[in-house]
């Protein structure tokens, strides 16, 4: 990988950002500076943390930023569900974003596990003859 932009998890999280921004435009005007703002910030945080962690060139640092992104994904999911529960949006309106956040969550989990394996392999002491 030559860039964080090559990562599938970053690409899908950017799709999620676009979907969230589209949804926020549809929310009631009085809610655009509260829940909508928080929803946008949490969505933007996902690809931002992925790219920042990648740029650190350190597996432990990258893993830390991936976990922050996972937390932001959970926050986005919760806020989307809140939009439905308080009747600011319908289930149908938030469904595309919920599907994307689910994909992002799975990708983040798998990518985090891969980073954990890299960290574990690098932490093993070398034996004689290796």
C-alpha atoms as a PDB file:
ATOM      1  CA  UNK A   1       0.000   0.000   0.000  1.00  0.00           C
ATOM      2  CA  UNK A   2       1.429   3.332  -0.981  1.00  0.00           C
ATOM      3  CA  UNK A   3      -1.293   5.475   0.589  1.00  0.00           C
ATOM      4  CA  UNK A   4      -4.079   5.311   3.139  1.00  0.00           C
ATOM      5  CA  UNK A   5      -6.389   6.079   0.211  1.00  0.00           C
ATOM      6  CA  UNK A   6      -5.675   2.567  -1.097  1.00  0.00           C
ATOM      7  CA  UNK A   7      -7.205   1.002   2.025  1.00  0.00           C
ATOM      8  CA  UNK A   8     -10.703  -0.423   1.515  1.00  0.00           C
ATOM      9  CA  UNK A   9     -11.640   0.579   5.063  1.00  0.00           C
ATOM     10  CA  UNK A  10     -10.764   4.212   4.316  1.00  0.00           C
ATOM     11  CA  UNK A  11     -12.652   4.151   1.004  1.00  0.00           C
ATOM     12  CA  UNK A  12     -15.842   2.736   2.548  1.00  0.00           C
ATOM     13  CA  UNK A  13     -15.617   5.152   5.471  1.00  0.00           C
ATOM     14  CA  UNK A  14     -15.470   8.024   2.972  1.00  0.00           C
ATOM     15  CA  UNK A  15     -18.662   6.677   1.371  1.00  0.00           C
ATOM     16  CA  UNK A  16     -20.199   6.718   4.848  1.00  0.00           C
ATOM     17  CA  UNK A  17     -19.214  10.370   5.301  1.00  0.00           C
ATOM     18  CA  UNK A  18     -20.963  11.256   2.044  1.00  0.00           C
ATOM     19  CA  UNK A  19     -24.084   9.345   3.071  1.00  0.00           C
ATOM     20  CA  UNK A  20     -24.151  11.006   6.499  1.00  0.00           C
ATOM     21  CA  UNK A  21     -23.811  14.481   4.988  1.00  0.00           C
ATOM     22  CA  UNK A  22     -26.684  13.721   2.609  1.00  0.00           C
ATOM     23  CA  UNK A  23     -28.835  12.492   5.486  1.00  0.00           C
ATOM     24  CA  UNK A  24     -28.037  15.498   7.679  1.00  0.00           C
ATOM     25  CA  UNK A  25     -29.407  17.855   5.020  1.00  0.00           C
ATOM     26  CA  UNK A  26     -32.767  16.078   5.403  1.00  0.00           C
ATOM     27  CA  UNK A  27     -32.913  16.514   9.198  1.00  0.00           C
ATOM     28  CA  UNK A  28     -35.139  19.241  10.678  1.00  0.00           C
ATOM     29  CA  UNK A  29     -33.524  22.684  10.480  1.00  0.00           C
ATOM     30  CA  UNK A  30     -33.534  23.136  14.274  1.00  0.00           C
ATOM     31  CA  UNK A  31     -31.562  19.893  14.681  1.00  0.00           C
ATOM     32  CA  UNK A  32     -28.838  20.650  12.150  1.00  0.00           C
ATOM     33  CA  UNK A  33     -26.628  22.392  14.691  1.00  0.00           C
ATOM     34  CA  UNK A  34     -26.944  19.702  17.375  1.00  0.00           C
ATOM     35  CA  UNK A  35     -27.439  16.045  16.467  1.00  0.00           C
ATOM     36  CA  UNK A  36     -26.561  16.593  12.808  1.00  0.00           C
ATOM     37  CA  UNK A  37     -23.325  18.352  13.763  1.00  0.00           C
ATOM     38  CA  UNK A  38     -22.342  15.549  16.126  1.00  0.00           C
ATOM     39  CA  UNK A  39     -23.226  12.933  13.508  1.00  0.00           C
ATOM     40  CA  UNK A  40     -21.083  14.647  10.878  1.00  0.00           C
ATOM     41  CA  UNK A  41     -18.145  14.986  13.266  1.00  0.00           C
ATOM     42  CA  UNK A  42     -18.279  11.320  14.252  1.00  0.00           C
ATOM     43  CA  UNK A  43     -18.491  10.220  10.613  1.00  0.00           C
ATOM     44  CA  UNK A  44     -15.565  12.446   9.574  1.00  0.00           C
ATOM     45  CA  UNK A  45     -13.553  11.107  12.501  1.00  0.00           C
ATOM     46  CA  UNK A  46     -13.517   7.587  11.027  1.00  0.00           C
ATOM     47  CA  UNK A  47     -11.493   8.149   7.829  1.00  0.00           C
ATOM     48  CA  UNK A  48      -9.518  10.903   9.557  1.00  0.00           C
ATOM     49  CA  UNK A  49      -8.278   8.533  12.241  1.00  0.00           C
ATOM     50  CA  UNK A  50      -7.533   5.815   9.702  1.00  0.00           C
ATOM     51  CA  UNK A  51      -5.388   8.198   7.652  1.00  0.00           C
ATOM     52  CA  UNK A  52      -3.658   9.689  10.689  1.00  0.00           C
ATOM     53  CA  UNK A  53      -2.826   6.277  12.104  1.00  0.00           C
ATOM     54  CA  UNK A  54      -1.535   5.074   8.749  1.00  0.00           C
ATOM     55  CA  UNK A  55       0.705   8.123   8.473  1.00  0.00           C
ATOM     56  CA  UNK A  56       2.393   7.295  11.784  1.00  0.00           C
ATOM     57  CA  UNK A  57       4.222   4.325  10.177  1.00  0.00           C
ATOM     58  CA  UNK A  58       4.019   2.451  13.468  1.00  0.00           C
ATOM     59  CA  UNK A  59       1.769  -0.625  13.879  1.00  0.00           C
ATOM     60  CA  UNK A  60       0.966   0.137  17.536  1.00  0.00           C
ATOM     61  CA  UNK A  61       0.061   3.731  16.759  1.00  0.00           C
ATOM     62  CA  UNK A  62      -1.972   2.634  13.748  1.00  0.00           C
ATOM     63  CA  UNK A  63      -3.874   0.135  15.903  1.00  0.00           C
ATOM     64  CA  UNK A  64      -4.641   2.860  18.444  1.00  0.00           C
ATOM     65  CA  UNK A  65      -6.115   5.088  15.714  1.00  0.00           C
ATOM     66  CA  UNK A  66      -8.075   2.172  14.231  1.00  0.00           C
ATOM     67  CA  UNK A  67      -9.658   1.618  17.645  1.00  0.00           C
ATOM     68  CA  UNK A  68     -10.579   5.284  17.869  1.00  0.00           C
ATOM     69  CA  UNK A  69     -12.185   4.945  14.433  1.00  0.00           C
ATOM     70  CA  UNK A  70     -14.126   1.909  15.711  1.00  0.00           C
ATOM     71  CA  UNK A  71     -15.458   4.026  18.562  1.00  0.00           C
ATOM     72  CA  UNK A  72     -16.508   6.731  16.117  1.00  0.00           C
ATOM     73  CA  UNK A  73     -18.274   4.131  13.963  1.00  0.00           C
ATOM     74  CA  UNK A  74     -20.263   2.968  17.001  1.00  0.00           C
ATOM     75  CA  UNK A  75     -21.097   6.607  17.727  1.00  0.00           C
ATOM     76  CA  UNK A  76     -22.371   7.115  14.164  1.00  0.00           C
ATOM     77  CA  UNK A  77     -24.493   3.974  14.400  1.00  0.00           C
ATOM     78  CA  UNK A  78     -26.021   5.135  17.688  1.00  0.00           C
ATOM     79  CA  UNK A  79     -26.757   8.608  16.362  1.00  0.00           C
ATOM     80  CA  UNK A  80     -28.414   7.209  13.248  1.00  0.00           C
ATOM     81  CA  UNK A  81     -30.652   5.079  15.449  1.00  0.00           C
ATOM     82  CA  UNK A  82     -31.436   8.147  17.559  1.00  0.00           C
ATOM     83  CA  UNK A  83     -32.550   9.974  14.409  1.00  0.00           C
ATOM     84  CA  UNK A  84     -35.100   7.233  13.818  1.00  0.00           C
ATOM     85  CA  UNK A  85     -36.221   6.948  17.447  1.00  0.00           C
ATOM     86  CA  UNK A  86     -36.926  10.666  17.768  1.00  0.00           C
ATOM     87  CA  UNK A  87     -38.575  10.612  14.342  1.00  0.00           C
ATOM     88  CA  UNK A  88     -36.152  13.002  12.631  1.00  0.00           C
ATOM     89  CA  UNK A  89     -35.640  10.372   9.911  1.00  0.00           C
ATOM     90  CA  UNK A  90     -37.258   7.142   8.828  1.00  0.00           C
ATOM     91  CA  UNK A  91     -35.635   3.735   8.956  1.00  0.00           C
ATOM     92  CA  UNK A  92     -35.537   3.785   5.175  1.00  0.00           C
ATOM     93  CA  UNK A  93     -33.672   7.097   5.164  1.00  0.00           C
ATOM     94  CA  UNK A  94     -30.933   5.903   7.536  1.00  0.00           C
ATOM     95  CA  UNK A  95     -30.663   2.360   6.152  1.00  0.00           C
ATOM     96  CA  UNK A  96     -27.939   3.126   3.559  1.00  0.00           C
ATOM     97  CA  UNK A  97     -25.793   4.787   6.237  1.00  0.00           C
ATOM     98  CA  UNK A  98     -26.427   1.947   8.693  1.00  0.00           C
ATOM     99  CA  UNK A  99     -25.326  -0.586   6.089  1.00  0.00           C
ATOM    100  CA  UNK A 100     -22.157   1.396   5.402  1.00  0.00           C
ATOM    101  CA  UNK A 101     -21.346   1.805   9.087  1.00  0.00           C
ATOM    102  CA  UNK A 102     -21.784  -1.956   9.529  1.00  0.00           C
ATOM    103  CA  UNK A 103     -19.343  -2.573   6.643  1.00  0.00           C
ATOM    104  CA  UNK A 104     -16.897  -0.071   8.096  1.00  0.00           C
ATOM    105  CA  UNK A 105     -17.153  -1.758  11.493  1.00  0.00           C
ATOM    106  CA  UNK A 106     -16.345  -5.166  10.036  1.00  0.00           C
ATOM    107  CA  UNK A 107     -13.455  -3.797   7.993  1.00  0.00           C
ATOM    108  CA  UNK A 108     -12.066  -1.959  11.019  1.00  0.00           C
ATOM    109  CA  UNK A 109     -12.336  -5.073  13.163  1.00  0.00           C
ATOM    110  CA  UNK A 110     -10.540  -7.240  10.598  1.00  0.00           C
ATOM    111  CA  UNK A 111      -7.899  -4.609   9.925  1.00  0.00           C
ATOM    112  CA  UNK A 112      -7.329  -4.151  13.667  1.00  0.00           C
ATOM    113  CA  UNK A 113      -6.872  -7.895  14.088  1.00  0.00           C
ATOM    114  CA  UNK A 114      -4.303  -7.880  11.273  1.00  0.00           C
ATOM    115  CA  UNK A 115      -2.421  -5.047  12.970  1.00  0.00           C
ATOM    116  CA  UNK A 116      -2.485  -6.976  16.262  1.00  0.00           C
ATOM    117  CA  UNK A 117      -0.893  -9.959  14.497  1.00  0.00           C
ATOM    118  CA  UNK A 118       1.824  -7.732  13.027  1.00  0.00           C
ATOM    119  CA  UNK A 119       2.539  -6.314  16.472  1.00  0.00           C
ATOM    120  CA  UNK A 120       2.663  -9.805  18.021  1.00  0.00           C
ATOM    121  CA  UNK A 121       5.012 -11.097  15.305  1.00  0.00           C
ATOM    122  CA  UNK A 122       7.351  -8.137  15.742  1.00  0.00           C
ATOM    123  CA  UNK A 123       7.365  -8.594  19.516  1.00  0.00           C
ATOM    124  CA  UNK A 124       8.576 -12.201  19.404  1.00  0.00           C
ATOM    125  CA  UNK A 125      12.222 -12.502  20.405  1.00  0.00           C
ATOM    126  CA  UNK A 126      14.537 -13.937  17.783  1.00  0.00           C
ATOM    127  CA  UNK A 127      15.936 -17.391  18.491  1.00  0.00           C
ATOM    128  CA  UNK A 128      19.433 -18.539  17.660  1.00  0.00           C
ATOM    129  CA  UNK A 129      19.729 -19.189  13.955  1.00  0.00           C
ATOM    130  CA  UNK A 130      16.790 -16.964  12.941  1.00  0.00           C
END
